[in-house]
N, C-alpha and C. Protein backbone atom coordinates (compact mmCIF):
# COMPACT_ATOMS: atom_id res chain seq x y z
N UNK A 1 -16.45 22.47 -42.83
CA UNK A 1 -17.61 22.53 -41.90
C UNK A 1 -18.95 22.97 -42.28
N UNK A 2 -20.04 22.28 -41.99
CA UNK A 2 -21.28 22.66 -42.52
C UNK A 2 -22.15 23.90 -41.95
N UNK A 3 -22.75 24.76 -42.70
CA UNK A 3 -23.41 26.10 -42.27
C UNK A 3 -24.65 25.67 -41.53
N UNK A 4 -24.90 24.44 -41.59
CA UNK A 4 -26.61 24.28 -40.99
C UNK A 4 -26.30 24.19 -39.23
N UNK A 5 -27.09 24.57 -38.76
CA UNK A 5 -26.92 24.72 -37.41
C UNK A 5 -26.96 22.98 -36.91
N UNK A 6 -26.82 22.83 -35.49
CA UNK A 6 -26.41 21.41 -35.04
C UNK A 6 -27.86 21.15 -34.87
N UNK A 7 -28.26 19.81 -34.95
CA UNK A 7 -29.41 19.16 -34.89
C UNK A 7 -29.48 18.64 -33.19
N UNK A 8 -30.54 18.65 -32.79
CA UNK A 8 -31.06 17.98 -31.33
C UNK A 8 -29.91 16.97 -30.78
N UNK A 9 -29.93 15.88 -31.95
CA UNK A 9 -29.03 15.10 -31.50
C UNK A 9 -27.62 15.02 -31.29
N UNK A 10 -27.10 16.27 -32.01
CA UNK A 10 -25.52 16.23 -31.49
C UNK A 10 -25.23 17.60 -30.70
N UNK A 11 -26.53 18.20 -30.57
CA UNK A 11 -26.28 19.44 -29.47
C UNK A 11 -25.99 18.80 -27.96
N UNK A 12 -24.82 19.52 -27.32
CA UNK A 12 -24.61 18.98 -26.07
C UNK A 12 -26.05 19.11 -25.10
N UNK A 13 -26.11 18.27 -24.05
CA UNK A 13 -27.13 18.55 -23.14
C UNK A 13 -26.81 19.54 -22.26
N UNK A 14 -27.73 19.91 -21.73
CA UNK A 14 -27.75 21.00 -20.60
C UNK A 14 -27.02 20.74 -19.64
N UNK A 15 -26.30 21.25 -18.71
CA UNK A 15 -25.65 20.89 -17.39
C UNK A 15 -26.52 21.30 -16.23
N UNK A 16 -26.77 19.82 -15.35
CA UNK A 16 -27.51 20.31 -14.24
C UNK A 16 -26.73 20.83 -13.19
N UNK A 17 -27.26 21.77 -12.34
CA UNK A 17 -26.53 22.66 -11.36
C UNK A 17 -26.47 21.71 -10.22
N UNK A 18 -25.49 21.82 -9.51
CA UNK A 18 -25.26 21.05 -7.88
C UNK A 18 -26.01 21.70 -6.90
N UNK A 19 -26.41 21.06 -5.77
CA UNK A 19 -26.91 21.86 -4.65
C UNK A 19 -25.58 22.59 -4.11
N UNK A 20 -25.64 23.57 -3.54
CA UNK A 20 -24.67 24.33 -2.91
C UNK A 20 -23.69 23.35 -1.93
N UNK A 21 -24.13 22.34 -1.05
CA UNK A 21 -23.64 21.65 -0.47
C UNK A 21 -22.69 20.65 -1.43
N UNK A 22 -23.43 20.09 -2.35
CA UNK A 22 -22.49 19.42 -3.24
C UNK A 22 -21.64 19.92 -3.94
N UNK A 23 -21.64 21.09 -4.19
CA UNK A 23 -20.47 21.87 -4.91
C UNK A 23 -19.76 22.22 -3.71
N UNK A 24 -19.73 22.32 -2.68
CA UNK A 24 -18.67 22.61 -1.93
C UNK A 24 -17.97 21.32 -1.67
N UNK A 25 -18.55 20.35 -1.47
CA UNK A 25 -17.85 19.04 -1.37
C UNK A 25 -17.00 18.72 -2.25
N UNK A 26 -17.28 19.00 -3.78
CA UNK A 26 -16.81 18.64 -5.17
C UNK A 26 -15.50 19.57 -4.89
N UNK A 27 -15.65 21.03 -4.69
CA UNK A 27 -14.59 21.75 -4.47
C UNK A 27 -13.52 21.47 -3.20
N UNK A 28 -13.99 20.83 -2.29
CA UNK A 28 -13.17 20.34 -0.92
C UNK A 28 -12.29 19.37 -1.71
N UNK A 29 -13.01 18.18 -2.48
CA UNK A 29 -12.20 17.14 -3.01
C UNK A 29 -11.22 17.34 -4.03
N UNK A 30 -11.54 18.51 -4.95
CA UNK A 30 -10.79 18.85 -5.85
C UNK A 30 -9.50 19.70 -5.13
N UNK A 31 -9.67 20.58 -3.95
CA UNK A 31 -8.42 21.20 -3.35
C UNK A 31 -7.52 19.70 -2.64
N UNK A 32 -8.14 18.63 -2.01
CA UNK A 32 -7.72 17.68 -1.78
C UNK A 32 -6.65 16.96 -2.65
N UNK A 33 -7.39 16.75 -3.66
CA UNK A 33 -6.47 15.94 -4.95
C UNK A 33 -5.32 16.62 -5.52
N UNK A 34 -5.61 18.39 -5.59
CA UNK A 34 -4.70 19.00 -5.95
C UNK A 34 -3.41 19.27 -4.99
N UNK A 35 -3.62 19.33 -3.71
CA UNK A 35 -2.67 19.08 -2.58
C UNK A 35 -1.66 17.73 -2.41
N UNK A 36 -2.55 16.76 -2.89
CA UNK A 36 -1.81 15.46 -2.99
C UNK A 36 -0.88 15.23 -4.20
N UNK A 37 -1.54 15.73 -5.23
CA UNK A 37 -0.47 15.77 -6.50
C UNK A 37 0.39 16.70 -6.51
N UNK A 38 0.33 17.90 -5.73
CA UNK A 38 1.37 18.82 -5.51
C UNK A 38 2.81 17.99 -4.47
N UNK A 39 2.15 17.35 -3.56
CA UNK A 39 3.34 16.61 -2.74
C UNK A 39 3.71 15.63 -3.83
N UNK A 40 2.76 14.90 -4.30
CA UNK A 40 3.85 13.92 -5.29
C UNK A 40 4.73 14.35 -6.13
N UNK A 41 4.42 15.59 -6.63
CA UNK A 41 5.13 16.25 -7.72
C UNK A 41 6.49 16.70 -7.03
N UNK A 42 6.19 17.03 -5.98
CA UNK A 42 7.60 17.69 -5.06
C UNK A 42 8.49 16.55 -4.94
N UNK A 43 7.78 15.18 -4.39
CA UNK A 43 8.72 14.20 -4.21
C UNK A 43 9.47 13.86 -5.59
N UNK A 44 8.72 13.68 -6.39
CA UNK A 44 9.26 13.23 -7.87
C UNK A 44 10.37 14.23 -8.10
N UNK A 45 10.31 15.42 -8.12
CA UNK A 45 11.62 16.57 -8.34
C UNK A 45 12.61 16.40 -7.46
N UNK A 46 12.30 15.92 -6.31
CA UNK A 46 13.17 15.86 -5.14
C UNK A 46 14.15 14.67 -5.75
N UNK A 47 13.58 13.50 -5.99
CA UNK A 47 14.20 12.42 -6.63
C UNK A 47 14.88 12.31 -7.74
N UNK A 48 14.41 13.48 -8.62
CA UNK A 48 15.18 13.88 -10.08
C UNK A 48 16.45 14.76 -9.71
N UNK A 49 16.43 15.52 -8.72
CA UNK A 49 17.32 16.42 -8.56
C UNK A 49 18.43 15.96 -7.69
N UNK A 50 17.99 14.93 -6.76
CA UNK A 50 18.84 14.44 -5.88
C UNK A 50 19.05 12.82 -5.84
N UNK A 51 18.55 12.11 -6.73
CA UNK A 51 18.19 10.83 -6.74
C UNK A 51 17.62 10.07 -5.59
N UNK A 52 17.43 8.86 -5.47
CA UNK A 52 16.82 8.06 -4.87
C UNK A 52 17.61 7.96 -3.24
N UNK A 53 16.75 8.26 -2.13
CA UNK A 53 17.25 8.10 -1.01
C UNK A 53 18.09 6.62 -0.63
N UNK A 54 18.65 6.73 0.36
CA UNK A 54 19.37 5.39 0.98
C UNK A 54 18.42 4.52 1.60
N UNK A 55 18.62 3.33 1.18
CA UNK A 55 17.54 2.18 1.86
C UNK A 55 17.37 2.70 3.59
N UNK A 56 18.60 2.82 4.27
CA UNK A 56 18.35 3.23 5.72
C UNK A 56 17.60 4.26 5.86
N UNK A 57 17.51 5.32 5.10
CA UNK A 57 16.32 6.33 5.20
C UNK A 57 14.88 5.92 4.92
N UNK A 58 14.52 4.94 4.14
CA UNK A 58 13.29 4.57 3.94
C UNK A 58 12.58 3.85 4.87
N UNK A 59 11.17 3.71 4.94
CA UNK A 59 10.42 2.91 5.79
C UNK A 59 9.96 1.88 4.87
N UNK A 60 10.12 0.63 5.34
CA UNK A 60 9.75 -0.48 4.65
C UNK A 60 8.21 -0.45 4.52
N UNK A 61 7.75 -0.87 3.31
CA UNK A 61 6.20 -0.52 2.61
C UNK A 61 5.33 -1.33 3.79
N UNK A 62 5.85 -2.31 4.28
CA UNK A 62 5.05 -3.29 5.04
C UNK A 62 4.69 -2.41 6.60
N UNK A 63 5.65 -1.76 7.03
CA UNK A 63 5.20 -0.91 8.03
C UNK A 63 4.38 0.23 7.55
N UNK A 64 4.49 0.77 6.65
CA UNK A 64 3.52 2.01 6.11
C UNK A 64 2.11 1.23 5.96
N UNK A 65 1.81 0.11 5.13
CA UNK A 65 0.86 -0.75 5.25
C UNK A 65 0.11 -0.91 6.66
N UNK A 66 0.79 -1.39 7.47
CA UNK A 66 0.23 -1.56 8.82
C UNK A 66 -0.24 -0.64 9.33
N UNK A 67 0.34 0.61 9.31
CA UNK A 67 -0.04 1.95 9.91
C UNK A 67 -1.21 2.30 9.11
N UNK A 68 -1.29 2.13 8.04
CA UNK A 68 -2.50 2.73 7.15
C UNK A 68 -3.73 1.63 7.64
N UNK A 69 -3.37 0.46 7.45
CA UNK A 69 -4.58 -0.40 8.11
C UNK A 69 -5.09 -0.08 9.50
N UNK A 70 -4.35 0.14 10.30
CA UNK A 70 -4.63 0.47 11.70
C UNK A 70 -5.46 1.92 11.38
N UNK A 71 -4.84 2.87 11.02
CA UNK A 71 -5.81 3.96 10.62
C UNK A 71 -7.18 3.87 10.29
N UNK A 72 -7.48 3.00 9.02
CA UNK A 72 -8.66 2.88 8.89
C UNK A 72 -9.31 1.77 9.91
N UNK A 73 -8.74 0.97 10.65
CA UNK A 73 -9.44 0.04 11.56
C UNK A 73 -10.07 1.16 12.75
N UNK A 74 -9.28 1.99 13.24
CA UNK A 74 -9.74 3.43 14.15
C UNK A 74 -10.94 4.22 13.56
N UNK A 75 -10.88 4.27 12.55
CA UNK A 75 -11.83 5.48 11.64
C UNK A 75 -13.15 4.34 11.63
N UNK A 76 -13.36 3.05 11.50
CA UNK A 76 -14.64 2.22 11.27
C UNK A 76 -14.52 1.36 12.68
N UNK A 77 -15.67 1.66 13.20
CA UNK A 77 -16.12 0.55 14.52
C UNK A 77 -16.27 -0.52 13.98
N UNK A 78 -15.65 -1.71 14.82
CA UNK A 78 -15.79 -3.22 14.60
C UNK A 78 -17.35 -3.74 14.78
N UNK A 79 -17.64 -4.52 14.05
CA UNK A 79 -18.86 -5.13 13.92
C UNK A 79 -18.99 -6.43 14.76
N UNK A 80 -19.79 -6.70 15.55
CA UNK A 80 -19.87 -8.19 16.44
C UNK A 80 -20.32 -8.89 15.42
């Protein structure tokens, strides 16, 4: 390694602070993402421990898709 100080070209740029509301929104997004990842990990651990569920105990993906599309449609008003 060189004993010379880093030049301005290689020095990291200063970080710009977020507004308090933006920082709060980023923290909330991080918390939701962490919660979703924890739920996903729990499902995978259950599958690893107990195997795949039977077909009779599963919801067809078409039903899940339709329910999700209905939720999205309810959140967004239709444009005439």
